[in-house]
Protein backbone atom coordinates (compact mmCIF):
# COMPACT_ATOMS: atom_id res chain seq x y z
CA MET A 1 -7.53 -29.16 -10.32
CA THR A 2 -7.63 -25.46 -11.13
CA ARG A 3 -11.30 -25.55 -12.18
CA LEU A 4 -12.21 -27.58 -9.09
CA TRP A 5 -10.61 -25.29 -6.56
CA ALA A 6 -11.65 -22.14 -8.37
CA ARG A 7 -15.21 -23.36 -8.01
CA LEU A 8 -14.64 -24.00 -4.30
CA ILE A 9 -13.25 -20.56 -3.48
CA GLY A 10 -14.74 -18.40 -6.19
CA GLY A 11 -16.45 -16.07 -3.73
CA LEU A 12 -13.32 -14.20 -2.65
CA ALA A 13 -14.09 -11.29 -4.93
CA HIS A 14 -11.66 -8.76 -3.44
CA ARG A 15 -8.68 -11.09 -3.88
CA PRO A 16 -9.08 -12.75 -7.29
CA GLN A 17 -5.37 -13.40 -7.71
CA ALA A 18 -5.30 -15.25 -4.38
CA VAL A 19 -8.14 -17.42 -5.64
CA ARG A 20 -6.22 -18.35 -8.78
CA VAL A 21 -3.04 -19.17 -6.85
CA LEU A 22 -4.95 -21.25 -4.32
CA ALA A 23 -6.56 -23.05 -7.24
CA VAL A 24 -3.08 -24.18 -8.22
CA LEU A 25 -2.20 -25.17 -4.67
CA GLY A 26 -5.38 -27.08 -3.86
CA LEU A 27 -6.55 -27.28 -0.24
CA ALA A 28 -8.03 -30.02 1.94
CA ALA A 29 -10.93 -29.83 4.42
CA LEU A 30 -10.90 -29.27 8.19
CA TYR A 31 -11.17 -31.60 11.18
CA PRO A 32 -11.37 -30.74 14.87
CA ALA A 33 -8.71 -30.47 17.48
CA SER A 34 -11.59 -30.34 19.93
CA VAL A 35 -11.68 -29.69 23.63
CA ALA A 36 -13.63 -32.78 24.60
CA ILE A 37 -15.63 -32.96 27.82
CA GLY A 38 -16.05 -36.57 28.88
CA ASN A 39 -17.12 -38.57 25.83
CA PRO A 40 -19.29 -36.12 23.85
CA THR A 41 -21.12 -37.17 20.70
CA PHE A 42 -21.13 -35.66 17.24
CA GLU A 43 -24.74 -34.76 16.56
CA GLY A 44 -24.39 -33.68 12.93
CA VAL A 45 -25.27 -30.58 10.94
CA ALA A 46 -29.01 -31.22 11.27
CA SER A 47 -28.79 -30.53 14.98
CA CYS A 48 -27.75 -26.94 14.19
CA ALA A 49 -30.14 -26.31 11.31
CA GLY A 50 -33.35 -25.25 13.03
CA SER A 51 -34.95 -22.03 11.82
CA THR A 52 -34.52 -20.49 15.27
CA CYS A 53 -30.88 -21.55 15.43
CA HIS A 54 -28.50 -21.43 12.42
CA GLY A 55 -30.90 -22.47 9.67
CA ARG A 56 -32.62 -19.22 8.72
CA ALA A 57 -32.90 -18.38 5.04
CA GLU A 58 -31.90 -14.79 5.79
CA GLY A 59 -29.20 -13.56 8.14
CA ASN A 60 -31.20 -11.32 10.45
CA GLY A 61 -30.59 -12.82 13.88
CA ALA A 62 -30.25 -10.55 16.89
CA VAL A 63 -26.97 -12.00 18.17
CA VAL A 64 -25.55 -14.15 15.37
CA ARG A 65 -26.67 -14.11 11.74
CA GLN A 66 -28.53 -17.45 12.08
CA ASP A 67 -28.09 -18.23 8.37
CA GLU A 68 -24.76 -19.99 8.91
CA ILE A 69 -26.02 -23.29 7.47
CA ALA A 70 -27.00 -21.56 4.23
CA THR A 71 -23.52 -20.06 3.98
CA TRP A 72 -21.89 -23.40 4.80
CA GLN A 73 -23.80 -25.20 2.04
CA GLU A 74 -23.74 -22.44 -0.60
CA PRO A 75 -23.07 -24.39 -3.81
CA SER A 76 -20.58 -22.14 -5.58
CA SER A 77 -18.77 -19.84 -3.15
CA SER A 78 -15.79 -20.39 -0.89
CA GLY A 79 -18.09 -20.39 2.12
CA GLY A 80 -19.62 -23.67 0.99
CA ALA A 81 -16.39 -25.55 0.34
CA HIS A 82 -16.51 -27.60 3.53
CA SER A 83 -20.00 -28.90 2.81
CA ARG A 84 -18.73 -30.17 -0.56
CA ALA A 85 -15.66 -31.93 0.89
CA TYR A 86 -17.27 -35.38 1.07
CA ALA A 87 -18.85 -35.10 -2.38
CA VAL A 88 -15.48 -34.59 -4.10
CA LEU A 89 -14.43 -38.05 -2.94
CA GLY A 90 -17.00 -39.54 -5.29
CA GLY A 91 -15.81 -37.45 -8.22
CA ARG A 92 -13.36 -38.49 -10.88
CA ARG A 93 -10.27 -37.26 -9.07
CA GLY A 94 -11.23 -38.86 -5.77
CA GLN A 95 -11.90 -42.18 -7.44
CA GLN A 96 -8.62 -42.07 -9.36
CA ILE A 97 -6.56 -41.31 -6.26
CA ALA A 98 -8.20 -44.09 -4.25
CA ALA A 99 -7.78 -46.58 -7.09
CA SER A 100 -4.09 -45.73 -7.52
CA LEU A 101 -3.46 -46.24 -3.80
CA GLY A 102 -5.61 -49.37 -3.48
CA LEU A 103 -7.90 -47.73 -0.93
CA GLY A 104 -11.17 -49.07 -2.30
CA SER A 105 -13.91 -46.47 -2.55
CA ALA A 106 -12.72 -43.00 -1.54
CA THR A 107 -16.10 -42.33 0.09
CA SER A 108 -15.44 -45.02 2.68
CA ALA A 109 -11.63 -44.92 2.96
CA PRO A 110 -10.43 -43.78 6.42
CA ALA A 111 -7.38 -42.18 4.79
CA CYS A 112 -9.77 -39.81 2.98
CA LEU A 113 -12.58 -39.41 5.52
CA GLY A 114 -10.28 -38.03 8.20
CA CYS A 115 -10.33 -34.68 6.40
CA HIS A 116 -13.19 -34.86 3.89
CA SER A 117 -15.80 -35.42 6.58
CA THR A 118 -16.35 -34.91 10.27
CA TYR A 119 -14.85 -38.32 10.82
CA ALA A 120 -16.23 -39.09 14.28
CA PRO A 121 -15.54 -42.47 15.89
CA ALA A 122 -18.49 -44.83 15.39
CA GLY A 123 -19.29 -44.86 19.10
CA GLN A 124 -19.58 -41.05 19.21
CA ARG A 125 -22.05 -40.54 16.37
CA GLY A 126 -25.44 -39.17 17.32
CA ALA A 127 -28.77 -40.00 15.69
CA LYS A 128 -28.56 -37.16 13.13
CA PHE A 129 -24.89 -37.56 12.28
CA THR A 130 -23.92 -38.51 8.73
CA LEU A 131 -20.54 -38.64 7.01
CA THR A 132 -22.12 -37.29 3.83
CA ASP A 133 -22.46 -33.89 5.50
CA GLY A 134 -18.78 -33.44 4.71
CA VAL A 135 -16.90 -31.08 6.99
CA GLY A 136 -19.71 -30.00 9.27
CA CYS A 137 -20.11 -27.59 12.15
CA GLU A 138 -18.53 -29.91 14.71
CA SER A 139 -15.39 -30.31 12.63
CA CYS A 140 -14.40 -26.84 13.79
CA HIS A 141 -16.52 -26.19 16.88
CA GLY A 142 -16.04 -29.62 18.46
CA PRO A 143 -18.50 -32.42 19.31
CA SER A 144 -21.66 -30.93 20.75
CA GLY A 145 -23.75 -33.74 22.23
CA GLY A 146 -23.42 -34.09 25.98
CA SER A 147 -21.26 -31.00 25.77
CA TRP A 148 -22.03 -27.44 24.71
CA LEU A 149 -25.04 -27.91 22.39
CA ALA A 150 -27.82 -27.50 24.94
CA GLU A 151 -26.03 -24.74 26.83
CA HIS A 152 -24.68 -22.37 24.21
CA TYR A 153 -27.98 -20.67 23.34
CA ALA A 154 -29.63 -20.58 26.77
CA LEU A 155 -29.42 -17.66 29.17
CA PRO A 156 -27.18 -16.85 30.95
CA ALA A 157 -24.68 -18.57 28.62
CA THR A 158 -21.57 -16.61 27.69
CA HIS A 159 -18.72 -17.33 25.32
CA ALA A 160 -16.57 -18.25 28.32
CA SER A 161 -19.18 -20.69 29.66
CA ASN A 162 -19.57 -22.27 26.22
CA ILE A 163 -15.81 -22.86 26.04
CA ALA A 164 -15.88 -24.33 29.53
CA ALA A 165 -18.57 -26.72 28.27
CA GLY A 166 -16.35 -27.90 25.40
CA LEU A 167 -16.84 -25.43 22.54
CA VAL A 168 -13.55 -24.95 20.68
CA PRO A 169 -12.35 -21.34 21.25
CA LEU A 170 -11.88 -20.39 17.59
CA ASP A 171 -11.43 -16.74 18.59
CA ASN A 172 -8.05 -17.83 19.96
CA PRO A 173 -5.53 -17.83 17.08
CA LYS A 174 -3.56 -20.80 18.41
CA ALA A 175 -6.70 -22.90 18.82
CA ARG A 176 -8.01 -21.93 15.40
CA ALA A 177 -4.68 -22.58 13.71
CA ASN A 178 -4.45 -26.07 15.14
CA VAL A 179 -8.00 -26.94 14.06
CA CYS A 180 -7.19 -25.85 10.52
CA LEU A 181 -3.73 -27.42 10.45
CA ASP A 182 -5.11 -30.88 11.22
CA CYS A 183 -6.13 -31.16 7.59
CA HIS A 184 -4.51 -28.22 5.89
CA PHE A 185 -1.12 -29.53 6.91
CA GLY A 186 -1.64 -32.83 8.71
CA SER A 187 -1.86 -34.40 12.12
CA SER A 188 -1.15 -37.66 13.91
CA LYS A 189 -4.87 -38.46 14.08
CA PRO A 190 -6.24 -41.21 11.81
CA GLY A 191 -6.67 -40.17 8.20
CA GLN A 192 -5.10 -36.74 8.56
CA PHE A 193 -1.74 -36.93 6.84
CA VAL A 194 -1.33 -36.34 3.11
CA THR A 195 1.61 -38.46 1.98
CA HIS A 196 3.76 -38.01 -1.09
CA SER A 197 2.09 -41.14 -2.45
CA MET A 198 -1.27 -39.37 -2.26
CA MET A 199 0.10 -36.37 -4.10
CA ALA A 200 1.71 -38.63 -6.69
CA ALA A 201 -1.75 -40.14 -7.20
CA GLY A 202 -3.25 -36.70 -7.80
CA HIS A 203 -3.98 -35.09 -4.41
CA PRO A 204 -3.35 -31.32 -4.42
CA ARG A 205 -0.28 -29.97 -2.65
CA ILE A 206 -1.02 -28.85 0.89
CA ALA A 207 -0.53 -25.25 2.03
CA PHE A 208 -1.72 -23.10 4.92
CA GLU A 209 -2.25 -19.43 5.78
CA LEU A 210 -4.57 -18.83 8.73
CA ASP A 211 -5.95 -15.36 8.08
CA LEU A 212 -6.70 -16.03 4.43
CA PHE A 213 -8.32 -19.37 5.23
CA SER A 214 -10.40 -17.67 7.92
CA ALA A 215 -11.66 -15.15 5.37
CA LEU A 216 -12.57 -17.94 2.96
CA GLN A 217 -14.63 -19.79 5.57
CA GLN A 218 -16.10 -16.94 7.62
CA HIS A 219 -19.76 -17.64 8.33
CA HIS A 220 -20.39 -14.72 10.66
CA ASN A 221 -20.14 -10.95 10.92
CA ILE A 222 -17.38 -9.40 12.97
CA ASP A 223 -19.58 -6.65 14.35
CA GLY A 224 -20.03 -4.88 17.65
CA ASP A 225 -21.86 -7.84 19.14
CA TYR A 226 -19.04 -10.22 18.17
CA ALA A 227 -16.45 -7.86 19.67
CA ALA A 228 -18.43 -7.59 22.89
CA ARG A 229 -18.62 -11.38 23.27
CA LYS A 230 -15.19 -12.42 22.00
CA ALA A 231 -13.14 -9.26 21.32
CA ALA A 232 -12.40 -8.11 17.80
CA PRO A 233 -9.78 -10.30 16.10
CA ASN A 234 -6.53 -8.77 14.93
CA ALA A 235 -5.59 -9.95 11.42
CA VAL A 236 -1.86 -9.48 11.97
CA ARG A 237 -1.96 -11.60 15.14
CA PHE A 238 -3.91 -14.37 13.40
CA TRP A 239 -1.58 -14.37 10.40
CA ALA A 240 1.57 -14.34 12.55
CA VAL A 241 0.41 -17.00 15.01
CA GLY A 242 -0.75 -19.10 12.08
CA GLN A 243 2.76 -19.04 10.62
CA ALA A 244 4.28 -20.05 13.97
CA GLU A 245 1.85 -22.91 14.48
CA ALA A 246 2.43 -24.13 10.92
CA VAL A 247 6.18 -24.35 11.56
CA ARG A 248 5.59 -26.08 14.87
CA ARG A 249 3.20 -28.60 13.30
CA ALA A 250 5.48 -29.37 10.34
CA THR A 251 8.59 -29.90 12.46
CA THR A 252 6.73 -31.85 15.16
CA LEU A 253 5.44 -34.34 12.58
CA PHE A 254 8.81 -34.52 10.82
CA ALA A 255 10.50 -35.38 14.12
CA GLN A 256 8.45 -38.60 14.29
CA PRO A 257 9.93 -41.46 12.23
CA LYS A 258 6.49 -42.84 11.33
CA PHE A 259 5.80 -39.59 9.44
CA ALA A 260 9.33 -38.67 8.34
CA LEU A 261 9.83 -41.87 6.35
CA GLU A 262 7.93 -43.65 3.60
CA GLY A 263 9.57 -47.04 3.33
CA ALA A 264 13.26 -46.64 2.58
CA PHE A 265 12.83 -43.02 1.45
CA PRO A 266 12.21 -39.76 3.26
CA GLN A 267 8.58 -38.67 3.32
CA PHE A 268 8.70 -36.15 0.47
CA THR A 269 5.53 -34.41 1.65
CA PHE A 270 7.83 -32.30 3.81
CA TYR A 271 10.13 -31.24 0.97
CA ASP A 272 9.89 -28.51 -1.62
CA CYS A 273 8.13 -30.00 -4.64
CA HIS A 274 9.95 -27.93 -7.24
CA SER A 275 13.40 -28.98 -6.12
CA CYS A 276 12.68 -32.27 -7.91
CA HIS A 277 9.76 -31.52 -10.22
CA ARG A 278 11.68 -29.41 -12.70
CA THR A 279 12.89 -29.94 -16.22
CA ILE A 280 15.69 -32.50 -16.38
CA THR A 281 18.45 -31.97 -18.93
CA ASP A 282 21.63 -33.96 -19.45
CA GLY A 283 23.29 -32.06 -22.27
CA PRO A 284 26.89 -30.84 -22.17
CA GLN A 285 25.79 -27.28 -21.39
CA ARG A 286 24.18 -27.55 -17.99
CA LYS A 287 21.37 -25.25 -16.99
CA LEU A 288 20.78 -25.25 -13.25
CA THR A 289 17.10 -25.07 -12.41
CA PHE A 290 17.52 -23.83 -8.86
CA GLU A 291 19.12 -20.97 -7.01
CA THR A 292 21.33 -21.32 -3.95
CA ASN A 293 19.33 -20.28 -0.90
CA PRO A 294 21.37 -18.34 1.69
CA ALA A 295 19.37 -19.75 4.63
CA ARG A 296 19.72 -23.42 3.64
CA PRO A 297 23.22 -24.79 4.32
CA ILE A 298 22.46 -28.17 2.73
CA PRO A 299 24.72 -30.24 0.45
CA PHE A 300 24.53 -29.45 -3.26
CA GLY A 301 21.83 -31.54 -4.91
CA ASN A 302 19.87 -32.38 -1.75
CA PRO A 303 16.14 -31.63 -1.83
CA PRO A 304 15.31 -28.83 0.64
CA PHE A 305 12.69 -29.01 3.35
CA ASN A 306 9.69 -26.90 2.36
CA ASP A 307 10.42 -23.80 4.43
CA GLU A 308 7.62 -21.51 3.20
CA ASN A 309 6.27 -20.94 6.72
CA ILE A 310 9.77 -20.85 8.23
CA ILE A 311 10.66 -17.90 5.96
CA MET A 312 7.52 -16.04 6.97
CA LEU A 313 8.07 -16.73 10.66
CA SER A 314 11.64 -15.43 10.42
CA ALA A 315 10.23 -12.18 9.04
CA VAL A 316 7.58 -12.05 11.76
CA ALA A 317 10.17 -12.56 14.48
CA GLY A 318 12.40 -9.82 13.11
CA ALA A 319 9.52 -7.37 12.95
CA LEU A 320 7.44 -8.20 16.01
CA VAL A 321 9.49 -10.28 18.47
CA PRO A 322 13.10 -9.22 17.81
CA GLY A 323 14.33 -10.76 21.05
CA GLU A 324 13.42 -14.23 19.69
CA ALA A 325 14.51 -13.64 16.09
CA SER A 326 18.17 -14.61 16.31
CA ALA A 327 17.50 -17.86 18.18
CA PHE A 328 14.80 -18.88 15.72
CA GLN A 329 16.93 -18.10 12.70
CA SER A 330 19.83 -20.09 14.16
CA ALA A 331 17.54 -23.05 14.84
CA SER A 332 16.26 -22.81 11.27
CA ARG A 333 19.77 -22.89 9.80
CA ASP A 334 20.75 -25.76 12.10
CA PHE A 335 17.71 -27.70 10.93
CA HIS A 336 18.52 -27.28 7.25
CA LYS A 337 22.16 -28.16 7.91
CA ALA A 338 21.14 -31.30 9.78
CA MET A 339 19.19 -32.50 6.74
CA GLY A 340 22.55 -33.34 5.15
CA GLN A 341 23.91 -35.09 8.23
CA GLY A 342 21.48 -37.94 8.84
CA ALA A 343 17.93 -38.80 9.85
CA GLY A 344 18.59 -38.73 13.59
CA ASP A 345 20.29 -35.35 13.44
CA ALA A 346 17.50 -33.93 11.31
CA ARG A 347 14.79 -35.13 13.69
CA ALA A 348 16.62 -33.70 16.71
CA ALA A 349 17.03 -30.37 14.93
CA ALA A 350 13.34 -30.46 14.00
CA GLN A 351 12.42 -30.79 17.67
CA ALA A 352 14.61 -27.80 18.54
CA LEU A 353 13.07 -25.71 15.76
CA SER A 354 9.58 -26.77 16.84
CA ALA A 355 10.31 -25.53 20.35
CA ARG A 356 11.50 -22.18 19.00
CA ALA A 357 8.37 -21.88 16.86
CA GLY A 358 6.26 -22.64 19.92
CA ALA A 359 7.98 -19.90 21.89
CA LEU A 360 7.29 -17.47 19.07
CA SER A 361 3.66 -18.57 18.90
CA ASP A 362 3.26 -17.86 22.62
CA ALA A 363 4.92 -14.47 22.30
CA LEU A 364 2.90 -13.51 19.22
CA SER A 365 -0.34 -14.56 20.91
CA ALA A 366 0.38 -12.54 24.03
CA ARG A 367 1.80 -9.31 22.64
CA ALA A 368 -0.20 -6.15 22.00
CA TYR A 369 -0.51 -5.10 18.37
CA ALA A 370 -0.01 -1.61 17.02
CA ASN A 371 -1.20 -0.17 13.74
CA ALA A 372 2.34 -0.01 12.36
CA ASP A 373 2.99 -3.75 12.80
CA ALA A 374 1.70 -4.72 9.37
CA PHE A 375 3.94 -2.11 7.72
CA ARG A 376 6.98 -3.50 9.57
CA VAL A 377 6.28 -7.10 8.59
CA ILE A 378 5.69 -6.21 4.93
CA ALA A 379 8.96 -4.27 4.81
CA ILE A 380 10.92 -7.21 6.20
CA ILE A 381 9.25 -9.77 3.91
CA ALA A 382 10.34 -7.82 0.85
CA GLY A 383 13.57 -6.51 2.38
CA GLU A 384 17.17 -7.30 1.51
CA ALA A 385 17.54 -9.95 4.23
CA THR A 386 14.43 -11.98 3.38
CA ALA A 387 13.91 -11.57 -0.36
CA PRO A 388 16.94 -13.72 -1.40
CA ARG A 389 15.23 -16.66 0.32
CA PHE A 390 12.42 -16.64 -2.24
CA THR A 391 14.12 -19.12 -4.55
CA ASP A 392 11.24 -21.62 -4.64
CA TYR A 393 7.61 -21.52 -5.59
CA ALA A 394 6.05 -22.43 -2.23
CA GLY A 395 7.81 -19.72 -0.23
CA SER A 396 6.97 -17.12 -2.85
CA VAL A 397 3.27 -18.01 -2.68
CA GLN A 398 3.34 -17.52 1.09
CA ALA A 399 5.02 -14.15 0.65
CA VAL A 400 2.48 -12.69 -1.75
CA MET A 401 -0.43 -14.06 0.30
CA ALA A 402 1.16 -12.41 3.35
CA VAL A 403 1.51 -9.01 1.69
CA ASP A 404 -2.08 -9.25 0.45
CA THR A 405 -3.39 -10.30 3.87
CA LEU A 406 -1.47 -7.58 5.69
CA LEU A 407 -2.62 -4.90 3.25
CA ASN A 408 -6.21 -5.91 4.01
CA ALA A 409 -5.40 -5.63 7.71
CA LEU A 410 -4.18 -2.06 7.16
CA VAL A 411 -7.41 -1.23 5.35
CA SER A 412 -9.54 -2.70 8.13
CA GLN A 413 -7.52 -0.71 10.70
CA GLY A 414 -8.13 2.50 8.76
CA ARG A 415 -4.41 3.01 8.14
CA VAL A 416 -4.84 2.67 4.36
CA THR A 417 -7.91 3.81 2.44
CA GLN A 418 -9.82 1.56 0.07
CA GLY A 419 -8.81 3.84 -2.79
CA ALA A 420 -5.12 3.69 -1.96
CA ALA A 421 -5.30 -0.10 -1.58
CA ALA A 422 -6.97 -0.38 -4.97
CA GLY A 423 -4.05 1.49 -6.50
CA ILE A 424 -1.57 -0.98 -4.98
CA ARG A 425 -3.45 -4.08 -6.08
CA GLY A 426 -1.92 -3.82 -9.52
CA ASP A 427 1.51 -4.41 -7.96
CA ILE A 428 0.15 -7.31 -5.92
CA ALA A 429 -1.49 -8.73 -9.03
CA ARG A 430 1.89 -8.82 -10.74
CA ALA A 431 3.36 -10.71 -7.79
CA TYR A 432 0.46 -13.18 -7.95
CA LYS A 433 1.00 -13.51 -11.68
CA ALA A 434 4.59 -14.57 -11.06
CA VAL A 435 3.37 -17.56 -8.99
CA GLU A 436 0.10 -18.28 -10.77
CA GLU A 437 1.57 -21.17 -12.76
CA PRO A 438 4.12 -23.33 -10.91
CA ASN A 439 5.80 -24.52 -14.07
CA ALA A 440 6.36 -20.93 -15.21
CA TYR A 441 7.72 -19.67 -11.89
CA ARG A 442 10.72 -17.36 -12.20
CA PRO A 443 12.28 -16.32 -8.86
CA ALA A 444 13.84 -13.07 -10.09
CA ASP A 445 10.57 -11.88 -11.65
CA PHE A 446 8.72 -12.67 -8.45
CA ARG A 447 11.17 -10.81 -6.23
CA THR A 448 10.92 -7.72 -8.44
CA ALA A 449 7.11 -7.76 -8.32
CA LEU A 450 7.05 -8.32 -4.55
CA LYS A 451 9.48 -5.47 -3.93
CA SER A 452 7.33 -3.15 -6.03
CA ALA A 453 4.17 -4.07 -4.13
CA ALA A 454 5.81 -3.76 -0.71
CA GLY A 455 7.39 -0.45 -1.67
CA ALA A 456 4.03 0.97 -2.73
CA ILE A 457 2.53 -0.06 0.62
CA GLY A 458 5.47 1.33 2.58
CA ARG A 459 5.08 4.75 0.98
CA LEU A 460 1.60 5.01 2.53
CA GLN A 461 2.95 4.76 6.08
């Protein structure tokens, strides 16, 4: 798994520790949450690949680079990961997973194709469409035929008119997050939910962080032309909204019995893996392999819901939307508490928490962002109120990715110089090292490393 994912995302040169941690996590492909106009068709990657469109060998276009296809299919870097998504189904791991689950061939199994290809309904496939393209252009931008394809390059087309014609507005953080979440967390669409059975068969654990994923799959330049057409994106907004939408997606799915259960058992996809997958000992001298988490009022011995994004969103709320923070934190505690009371109570609490996450997403999308915001969020993530919640591997991974992402935002804003950031990366590297190997994770070591990294960033304010 590590070698596979390292090969997929090896191009993220400025964040090598993030690459190694994501190699442990493993990540799925994308699928659209498209804005469909009528009954548009999926025309396939070939429809975008002309030399006067997005198929140039060199990125020298006047408006967009026009070499986006070359980036998408680059064989070794992170930018080409989506084009390789279908091919991995035919590899050893894909075949083993499908065989264990009785799915037949992974390359034709709907449970796999929903995320490892642009899995368009048969009646909406154009003449050039092929599943073997993997996760193609329309997986993110939406079906193009009978929709935006013929309009988006012709004068007087604008970004607004393209969206009106059906192009997915990926410059909107909520829209982008929900496109990514369909496969990088799961959805109710066919073939877009990674069950615990799939992970038991060998599928990588799912995880999501919008700004980092955007950097991994960026096929364009954010230059003056981009800003003029779409406005320059704010990394803190994208990261924060991504956390809110991840919480909303997780709790919305959990609230539905068809996703929350797997036979007689809870659907363990939603739970923290390491609460169960730890060394078991039955000797007379017990050695507890977990720490009590102050934000999880659950009965002793119960597996906790995976709250990695909930922890981050609590920090975001405290830093950026303080008026919503208390209500969200109360809903979070109520949700964890309900997990020990019964399935119905837990699903009702999930719906309440989902609503609170949605309110935060709206507020985070609408607010103006100041240069000090990233400093505030980093301080809260590593602060006395939040740090004790990093008792489990998944939440700790989110925390170090957040600090790394927000440091890069400060550099791009000009608040921190490249030289100063380079000096801090040693502290961040130590935090990454603490979560590089799940089986070697030590909460206390991680919290120390995170505090050191956050402190070094805070001193630059």
